[in-house]
Protein backbone atom coordinates (compact mmCIF):
# COMPACT_ATOMS: atom_id res chain seq x y z
CA UNK A 1 -101.04 4.26 -16.25
CA UNK A 2 -102.65 5.63 -19.28
CA UNK A 3 -103.55 9.03 -19.55
CA UNK A 4 -104.56 11.22 -22.53
CA UNK A 5 -105.55 14.86 -21.13
CA UNK A 6 -105.51 18.12 -23.59
CA UNK A 7 -104.35 21.19 -21.89
CA UNK A 8 -104.36 23.47 -24.96
CA UNK A 9 -106.29 22.59 -28.00
CA UNK A 10 -104.89 25.27 -30.48
CA UNK A 11 -106.95 27.03 -32.60
CA UNK A 12 -110.37 26.30 -33.76
CA UNK A 13 -110.96 24.18 -36.99
CA UNK A 14 -111.04 26.27 -39.88
CA UNK A 15 -112.81 26.12 -43.69
CA UNK A 16 -109.71 23.84 -44.87
CA UNK A 17 -110.22 21.56 -41.79
CA UNK A 18 -113.96 21.09 -42.51
CA UNK A 19 -113.09 20.31 -46.28
CA UNK A 20 -110.79 17.69 -45.30
CA UNK A 21 -113.18 16.09 -42.74
CA UNK A 22 -115.90 16.00 -45.37
CA UNK A 23 -113.46 14.00 -47.83
CA UNK A 24 -112.32 11.36 -45.22
CA UNK A 25 -115.41 8.97 -46.21
CA UNK A 26 -114.72 9.12 -50.05
CA UNK A 27 -111.26 8.36 -49.29
CA UNK A 28 -112.02 5.33 -47.26
CA UNK A 29 -114.05 4.15 -50.10
CA UNK A 30 -111.42 4.59 -52.30
CA UNK A 31 -108.81 2.68 -50.28
CA UNK A 32 -111.61 -0.18 -49.97
CA UNK A 33 -111.88 -0.43 -53.70
CA UNK A 34 -107.93 -0.27 -53.82
CA UNK A 35 -107.64 -2.94 -51.39
CA UNK A 36 -110.29 -5.30 -53.06
CA UNK A 37 -108.35 -4.87 -56.37
CA UNK A 38 -104.91 -5.80 -54.77
CA UNK A 39 -106.50 -8.95 -52.88
CA UNK A 40 -108.09 -10.11 -56.13
CA UNK A 41 -104.54 -9.73 -58.30
CA UNK A 42 -101.87 -11.99 -57.88
CA UNK A 43 -98.93 -10.04 -56.03
CA UNK A 44 -95.51 -11.32 -54.73
CA UNK A 45 -95.15 -11.16 -50.67
CA UNK A 46 -91.95 -9.53 -51.23
CA UNK A 47 -93.09 -6.32 -53.11
CA UNK A 48 -90.47 -4.00 -54.86
CA UNK A 49 -89.64 -0.71 -52.73
CA UNK A 50 -87.70 0.61 -55.30
CA UNK A 51 -90.34 1.03 -58.04
CA UNK A 52 -89.60 2.00 -61.77
CA UNK A 53 -90.89 5.72 -62.24
CA UNK A 54 -94.31 5.43 -63.79
CA UNK A 55 -95.06 6.51 -67.63
CA UNK A 56 -97.36 8.93 -68.37
CA UNK A 57 -100.51 7.61 -70.32
CA UNK A 58 -103.00 9.56 -72.70
CA UNK A 59 -106.23 7.92 -73.33
CA UNK A 60 -107.43 8.10 -77.06
CA UNK A 61 -110.60 9.83 -77.49
CA UNK A 62 -113.97 8.07 -79.50
CA UNK A 63 -114.07 10.71 -82.18
CA UNK A 64 -113.10 10.11 -85.44
CA UNK A 65 -109.65 11.29 -86.84
CA UNK A 66 -109.92 13.42 -89.61
CA UNK A 67 -107.80 13.49 -92.67
CA UNK A 68 -105.62 16.83 -91.48
CA UNK A 69 -104.95 15.19 -88.34
CA UNK A 70 -103.28 12.08 -89.72
CA UNK A 71 -101.34 14.33 -92.14
CA UNK A 72 -100.14 16.09 -89.17
CA UNK A 73 -99.19 12.89 -87.45
CA UNK A 74 -97.09 11.90 -90.67
CA UNK A 75 -95.34 15.06 -90.82
CA UNK A 76 -94.58 14.70 -86.82
CA UNK A 77 -93.49 11.17 -87.36
CA UNK A 78 -91.10 12.20 -90.44
CA UNK A 79 -89.65 15.11 -88.24
CA UNK A 80 -88.97 12.45 -85.23
CA UNK A 81 -87.50 10.36 -87.65
CA UNK A 82 -84.99 12.99 -89.02
CA UNK A 83 -83.82 13.99 -85.53
CA UNK A 84 -83.48 10.05 -84.51
CA UNK A 85 -81.09 9.87 -87.43
CA UNK A 86 -79.06 13.09 -87.04
CA UNK A 87 -75.75 13.17 -85.89
CA UNK A 88 -75.30 13.99 -81.95
CA UNK A 89 -73.60 17.22 -81.48
CA UNK A 90 -70.30 17.19 -79.12
CA UNK A 91 -72.15 18.32 -76.23
CA UNK A 92 -74.61 15.28 -76.35
CA UNK A 93 -71.63 13.04 -77.05
CA UNK A 94 -69.71 14.11 -73.92
CA UNK A 95 -72.68 13.85 -71.52
CA UNK A 96 -73.98 10.49 -72.84
CA UNK A 97 -70.12 9.37 -72.26
CA UNK A 98 -70.06 11.07 -68.76
CA UNK A 99 -73.09 9.39 -68.19
CA UNK A 100 -71.70 5.60 -69.06
CA UNK A 101 -68.72 6.66 -66.90
CA UNK A 102 -70.78 7.69 -63.94
CA UNK A 103 -72.78 4.41 -63.91
CA UNK A 104 -69.36 2.39 -64.30
CA UNK A 105 -68.10 4.15 -61.37
CA UNK A 106 -70.80 3.21 -59.19
CA UNK A 107 -71.03 -0.57 -60.30
CA UNK A 108 -69.52 -3.32 -58.53
CA UNK A 109 -69.47 -7.16 -58.29
CA UNK A 110 -71.81 -8.85 -55.83
CA UNK A 111 -70.57 -12.00 -54.80
CA UNK A 112 -73.89 -13.29 -53.75
CA UNK A 113 -75.81 -12.06 -56.91
CA UNK A 114 -72.85 -13.34 -59.06
CA UNK A 115 -73.43 -10.50 -61.19
CA UNK A 116 -72.61 -6.49 -61.76
CA UNK A 117 -74.94 -4.51 -59.62
CA UNK A 118 -75.29 -0.39 -59.39
CA UNK A 119 -74.79 0.75 -55.72
CA UNK A 120 -76.17 4.22 -56.31
CA UNK A 121 -79.07 5.80 -57.67
CA UNK A 122 -78.99 5.62 -61.38
CA UNK A 123 -82.54 5.92 -63.17
CA UNK A 124 -81.67 8.66 -65.45
CA UNK A 125 -79.07 10.59 -66.94
CA UNK A 126 -76.68 11.13 -63.88
CA UNK A 127 -74.00 12.92 -66.06
CA UNK A 128 -74.19 15.95 -63.92
CA UNK A 129 -76.08 14.94 -61.00
CA UNK A 130 -74.57 15.26 -57.37
CA UNK A 131 -75.55 11.94 -55.86
CA UNK A 132 -74.78 13.30 -52.10
CA UNK A 133 -76.86 16.36 -52.36
CA UNK A 134 -79.26 16.74 -50.06
CA UNK A 135 -83.00 17.53 -50.90
CA UNK A 136 -83.69 21.43 -50.34
CA UNK A 137 -87.74 20.58 -50.22
CA UNK A 138 -89.28 21.04 -47.08
CA UNK A 139 -92.31 20.41 -45.60
CA UNK A 140 -95.73 21.07 -47.17
CA UNK A 141 -98.39 24.02 -46.25
CA UNK A 142 -100.23 23.65 -43.09
CA UNK A 143 -102.83 20.56 -43.38
CA UNK A 144 -105.74 23.32 -42.38
CA UNK A 145 -104.87 25.70 -45.01
CA UNK A 146 -105.76 23.40 -47.69
CA UNK A 147 -108.91 24.11 -49.91
CA UNK A 148 -110.95 21.02 -50.44
CA UNK A 149 -109.80 20.55 -54.19
CA UNK A 150 -105.92 20.29 -52.67
CA UNK A 151 -106.72 17.60 -50.48
CA UNK A 152 -106.91 15.51 -53.70
CA UNK A 153 -103.12 16.15 -54.43
CA UNK A 154 -101.81 14.75 -51.19
CA UNK A 155 -99.35 12.16 -52.11
CA UNK A 156 -98.83 8.73 -50.82
CA UNK A 157 -95.76 7.89 -48.31
CA UNK A 158 -94.41 5.41 -46.21
CA UNK A 159 -93.26 4.84 -42.68
CA UNK A 160 -89.92 2.80 -42.41
CA UNK A 161 -90.37 0.82 -39.16
CA UNK A 162 -87.30 -0.60 -39.15
CA UNK A 163 -84.02 -1.76 -41.10
CA UNK A 164 -82.79 -5.10 -39.58
CA UNK A 165 -80.00 -7.36 -40.25
CA UNK A 166 -81.76 -10.34 -41.03
CA UNK A 167 -78.35 -12.73 -42.02
CA UNK A 168 -74.79 -12.13 -41.31
CA UNK A 169 -72.20 -14.26 -42.43
CA UNK A 170 -69.83 -12.84 -39.73
CA UNK A 171 -71.76 -13.42 -36.89
CA UNK A 172 -73.03 -11.03 -34.05
CA UNK A 173 -72.75 -8.16 -32.85
CA UNK A 174 -71.14 -6.20 -35.59
CA UNK A 175 -69.10 -3.25 -35.90
CA UNK A 176 -69.99 -1.25 -38.81
CA UNK A 177 -69.88 1.88 -40.47
CA UNK A 178 -71.31 3.61 -43.58
CA UNK A 179 -74.50 5.21 -44.61
CA UNK A 180 -78.23 4.76 -45.40
CA UNK A 181 -79.90 7.08 -48.05
CA UNK A 182 -83.30 7.30 -48.85
CA UNK A 183 -84.80 9.40 -51.85
CA UNK A 184 -88.10 9.97 -53.34
CA UNK A 185 -89.42 11.09 -56.73
CA UNK A 186 -89.61 14.95 -55.49
CA UNK A 187 -86.10 15.62 -56.28
CA UNK A 188 -84.27 12.17 -56.34
CA UNK A 189 -81.80 13.78 -53.91
CA UNK A 190 -80.93 12.82 -50.30
CA UNK A 191 -84.32 12.70 -47.94
CA UNK A 192 -82.27 10.92 -45.25
CA UNK A 193 -78.87 9.98 -44.57
CA UNK A 194 -78.06 7.92 -41.92
CA UNK A 195 -73.97 7.83 -40.88
CA UNK A 196 -73.29 4.90 -38.92
CA UNK A 197 -70.09 3.74 -36.88
CA UNK A 198 -71.54 1.83 -34.23
CA UNK A 199 -71.77 -1.91 -32.96
CA UNK A 200 -75.03 -3.33 -33.70
CA UNK A 201 -76.62 -6.51 -33.31
CA UNK A 202 -79.70 -7.04 -35.57
CA UNK A 203 -81.34 -3.46 -35.94
CA UNK A 204 -79.89 -0.27 -37.12
CA UNK A 205 -80.93 2.61 -35.64
CA UNK A 206 -82.90 5.30 -37.91
CA UNK A 207 -82.56 9.23 -37.96
CA UNK A 208 -84.94 10.86 -40.25
CA UNK A 209 -86.28 11.31 -42.80
CA UNK A 210 -86.43 15.33 -42.21
CA UNK A 211 -89.47 14.99 -44.19
CA UNK A 212 -92.27 12.51 -45.44
CA UNK A 213 -91.03 10.22 -48.13
CA UNK A 214 -93.26 10.74 -51.24
CA UNK A 215 -94.00 7.18 -52.82
CA UNK A 216 -96.57 7.48 -55.44
CA UNK A 217 -94.06 7.48 -58.34
CA UNK A 218 -90.49 5.89 -56.93
CA UNK A 219 -88.54 5.83 -53.86
CA UNK A 220 -85.06 4.34 -53.62
CA UNK A 221 -82.83 3.15 -50.50
CA UNK A 222 -78.84 3.15 -50.88
CA UNK A 223 -77.06 0.80 -48.39
CA UNK A 224 -73.19 1.35 -48.03
CA UNK A 225 -72.04 -0.36 -45.11
CA UNK A 226 -68.63 -1.92 -44.21
CA UNK A 227 -67.41 -3.71 -41.35
CA UNK A 228 -64.85 -1.81 -39.11
CA UNK A 229 -62.10 -4.31 -38.13
CA UNK A 230 -59.67 -3.79 -35.45
CA UNK A 231 -57.14 -2.66 -37.88
CA UNK A 232 -59.65 -0.03 -39.21
CA UNK A 233 -59.63 -2.27 -42.62
CA UNK A 234 -63.23 -2.35 -43.80
CA UNK A 235 -64.86 -5.17 -45.64
CA UNK A 236 -68.40 -4.77 -47.72
CA UNK A 237 -71.32 -6.00 -45.56
CA UNK A 238 -73.71 -4.55 -47.50
CA UNK A 239 -73.68 -2.36 -50.25
CA UNK A 240 -76.65 -1.95 -52.94
CA UNK A 241 -79.59 -0.20 -53.92
CA UNK A 242 -82.47 -1.72 -52.15
CA UNK A 243 -84.93 -3.34 -54.38
CA UNK A 244 -87.22 -5.58 -52.41
CA UNK A 245 -88.12 -6.20 -48.80
CA UNK A 246 -85.05 -8.26 -48.40
CA UNK A 247 -81.83 -7.52 -49.69
CA UNK A 248 -79.25 -10.31 -49.70
CA UNK A 249 -75.51 -8.69 -50.78
CA UNK A 250 -71.77 -9.12 -49.94
CA UNK A 251 -71.89 -10.65 -46.47
CA UNK A 252 -75.28 -9.86 -45.09
CA UNK A 253 -78.91 -9.98 -45.83
CA UNK A 254 -80.67 -6.46 -44.70
CA UNK A 255 -84.45 -6.45 -44.27
CA UNK A 256 -86.56 -3.46 -44.50
CA UNK A 257 -90.05 -3.25 -42.85
CA UNK A 258 -92.02 -0.34 -43.67
CA UNK A 259 -95.91 0.79 -44.04
CA UNK A 260 -97.42 2.61 -46.85
CA UNK A 261 -99.76 5.42 -46.17
CA UNK A 262 -102.29 6.63 -48.40
CA UNK A 263 -103.26 10.41 -48.78
CA UNK A 264 -100.32 11.14 -46.28
CA UNK A 265 -100.04 14.16 -43.69
CA UNK A 266 -97.03 14.93 -41.93
CA UNK A 267 -96.80 15.14 -38.22
CA UNK A 268 -93.83 16.77 -36.68
CA UNK A 269 -93.33 15.81 -33.01
CA UNK A 270 -91.41 17.53 -30.19
CA UNK A 271 -91.40 15.97 -26.70
CA UNK A 272 -90.51 18.20 -23.35
CA UNK A 273 -90.42 16.89 -19.95
CA UNK A 274 -91.46 19.78 -17.81
CA UNK A 275 -91.28 18.61 -14.38
CA UNK A 276 -89.45 15.65 -12.53
CA UNK A 277 -86.24 14.54 -14.67
CA UNK A 278 -82.75 16.13 -15.56
CA UNK A 279 -82.32 13.13 -18.09
CA UNK A 280 -84.42 11.16 -20.09
CA UNK A 281 -84.21 7.31 -19.71
CA UNK A 282 -87.12 6.21 -21.75
CA UNK A 283 -88.75 5.40 -25.07
CA UNK A 284 -90.77 7.10 -27.34
CA UNK A 285 -92.83 5.17 -29.88
CA UNK A 286 -95.45 5.97 -32.24
CA UNK A 287 -98.49 4.46 -34.37
CA UNK A 288 -101.41 5.23 -36.41
CA UNK A 289 -104.99 4.15 -35.34
CA UNK A 290 -105.41 2.07 -38.46
CA UNK A 291 -101.86 0.22 -38.19
CA UNK A 292 -101.72 -0.45 -34.15
CA UNK A 293 -99.05 -3.65 -35.08
CA UNK A 294 -96.47 -1.41 -36.38
CA UNK A 295 -94.67 0.90 -33.84
CA UNK A 296 -92.34 3.00 -35.12
CA UNK A 297 -89.24 3.74 -32.38
CA UNK A 298 -88.44 7.80 -32.16
CA UNK A 299 -86.00 7.68 -29.31
CA UNK A 300 -85.03 4.79 -27.19
CA UNK A 301 -82.24 5.43 -24.55
CA UNK A 302 -81.11 1.97 -24.52
CA UNK A 303 -79.58 1.82 -27.93
CA UNK A 304 -76.22 3.19 -27.94
CA UNK A 305 -75.21 6.76 -28.61
CA UNK A 306 -78.80 7.69 -27.84
CA UNK A 307 -78.81 11.27 -26.13
CA UNK A 308 -80.29 11.35 -22.63
CA UNK A 309 -79.51 14.89 -21.47
CA UNK A 310 -82.79 17.13 -21.69
CA UNK A 311 -82.31 20.26 -23.72
CA UNK A 312 -83.91 23.85 -23.23
CA UNK A 313 -87.40 23.68 -21.78
CA UNK A 314 -87.02 19.98 -20.99
CA UNK A 315 -86.76 18.72 -24.64
CA UNK A 316 -85.96 15.12 -25.58
CA UNK A 317 -83.69 15.07 -28.69
CA UNK A 318 -85.39 12.53 -30.67
CA UNK A 319 -83.74 10.56 -32.88
CA UNK A 320 -86.87 10.50 -35.09
CA UNK A 321 -89.21 13.59 -35.19
CA UNK A 322 -91.65 12.68 -38.16
CA UNK A 323 -94.26 10.19 -38.89
CA UNK A 324 -96.49 10.13 -42.05
CA UNK A 325 -100.26 9.60 -40.98
CA UNK A 326 -103.38 8.96 -43.34
CA UNK A 327 -105.72 11.72 -43.80
CA UNK A 328 -108.68 9.74 -42.15
CA UNK A 329 -106.55 8.34 -39.17
CA UNK A 330 -104.83 9.66 -36.03
CA UNK A 331 -101.79 9.23 -34.40
CA UNK A 332 -100.80 7.82 -30.92
CA UNK A 333 -97.83 8.74 -29.26
CA UNK A 334 -96.46 6.43 -26.40
CA UNK A 335 -93.93 7.80 -23.78
CA UNK A 336 -92.42 5.28 -21.09
CA UNK A 337 -90.18 6.42 -18.48
CA UNK A 338 -87.37 3.63 -17.32
CA UNK A 339 -86.24 2.93 -13.85
CA UNK A 340 -83.06 0.41 -14.45
CA UNK A 341 -84.71 -2.34 -16.69
CA UNK A 342 -88.28 -1.76 -15.28
CA UNK A 343 -91.06 0.49 -16.89
CA UNK A 344 -92.18 2.82 -13.85
CA UNK A 345 -94.33 5.48 -15.87
CA UNK A 346 -96.60 5.26 -19.04
CA UNK A 347 -97.99 8.11 -21.03
CA UNK A 348 -100.23 7.98 -23.84
CA UNK A 349 -101.34 10.78 -26.60
CA UNK A 350 -104.04 10.59 -29.18
CA UNK A 351 -103.27 13.22 -31.82
CA UNK A 352 -105.56 14.41 -34.40
CA UNK A 353 -104.72 16.85 -37.17
CA UNK A 354 -107.51 19.44 -37.33
CA UNK A 355 -104.95 22.20 -36.57
CA UNK A 356 -101.88 23.32 -37.76
CA UNK A 357 -100.23 23.06 -34.09
CA UNK A 358 -101.28 21.52 -31.02
CA UNK A 359 -99.77 21.22 -27.46
CA UNK A 360 -100.87 18.50 -25.43
CA UNK A 361 -99.66 18.09 -21.49
CA UNK A 362 -100.12 15.28 -19.14
CA UNK A 363 -99.06 15.16 -15.54
CA UNK A 364 -98.93 12.05 -13.35
CA UNK A 365 -97.41 11.93 -9.95
CA UNK A 366 -94.41 14.39 -10.03
CA UNK A 367 -93.77 14.00 -14.05
CA UNK A 368 -95.34 16.22 -16.46
CA UNK A 369 -94.93 15.33 -20.14
CA UNK A 370 -95.52 17.93 -22.81
CA UNK A 371 -95.98 17.12 -26.61
CA UNK A 372 -96.00 19.32 -29.58
CA UNK A 373 -97.14 18.45 -33.01
CA UNK A 374 -97.24 20.41 -36.10
CA UNK A 375 -99.33 18.57 -39.21
CA UNK A 376 -98.23 19.54 -42.71
CA UNK A 377 -99.76 18.28 -46.31
CA UNK A 378 -97.57 15.76 -48.35
CA UNK A 379 -98.38 17.49 -51.50
CA UNK A 380 -97.36 16.36 -55.04
CA UNK A 381 -95.29 18.80 -56.71
CA UNK A 382 -94.55 19.43 -60.15
CA UNK A 383 -92.96 22.83 -60.38
CA UNK A 384 -89.27 21.87 -58.76
CA UNK A 385 -86.55 22.35 -61.37
CA UNK A 386 -84.34 19.37 -61.56
CA UNK A 387 -84.23 18.79 -65.13
CA UNK A 388 -82.32 20.44 -67.81
CA UNK A 389 -82.18 19.71 -71.63
CA UNK A 390 -79.18 20.00 -73.83
CA UNK A 391 -79.66 19.08 -77.04
CA UNK A 392 -81.50 15.74 -76.99
CA UNK A 393 -80.12 14.95 -73.67
CA UNK A 394 -82.43 15.05 -70.51
CA UNK A 395 -80.01 15.66 -67.44
CA UNK A 396 -81.12 15.22 -63.93
CA UNK A 397 -79.71 17.87 -61.87
């Protein structure tokens, strides 16, 4: 019995919201142009997820180069050549050696690739970089607070739909432990860290990310999974940086299912059961109106170790609470209550993002469900300190 009743619509649309609506048509036109270009070019079906960081390009003007400009260019090239040939300082040498040592520490022989591979992030000089440090960047500003010009600074993102074990050399089910880590170009630190120690069949339950992944430049996934034997002796099951949709390594093939999100806004969700239940036995899934086929599982009580006890004010402890949504689309939230193996109640909410915070309630029979959503912008950030230069060494911190 679908229902979509709004109890409290929140605050009225502000100037920023109106500006955002005014840009939606332009964004759609830009997206159509991008899609036309993509369809006309030959692209692999197994597209790379961990993209190399893009280079900055400068377009030359049409003005004639003067003699003084040519002389300055020659002087600059001469200075750069001198610097290139200069002897590195001891500090520079030490940092370069340390970078080599750390890369060696995270490289291993992959029997399926028959090659040495890096198992952690190493896209820059990582001599002083803490590979396990979590990102301190939080959500962006409320979407309604943006000016018209700021909407064009919305970053692209992705929604990771699922991580599946496509092939296993040791059969199913598998008792595994380890980590799955995601990073983005905002600061290259851990945006999400899934720590696993469970029995799985073919699907790995995800927790997080706690903020939307920014995918305009680069995004990296790291897998470090081992089989937990009866004697607690682990064999490598999957251990690599995910380079493509399908990663074949060690004893497995891991498949990443994801959807790109252009001009992304972030929906942070909370679900409360106000009446009718003390435990939540059900499922919460989401999708965007422009991508109905890819459902994002936010909670499923049938998955092992999923929390069922309701918290304060009847809150459901979602395993994932964040979804990236295109600026010109809405978010659909579907909540199903189970009785044994059967569905007996069904709630559906369509959530727009014209307000900072919105509360929806829906009552059917003896059950009442409340959904809260906070909308924030996924903005490109340029001021976050993550680099340090020591001599000619540019270090990632």
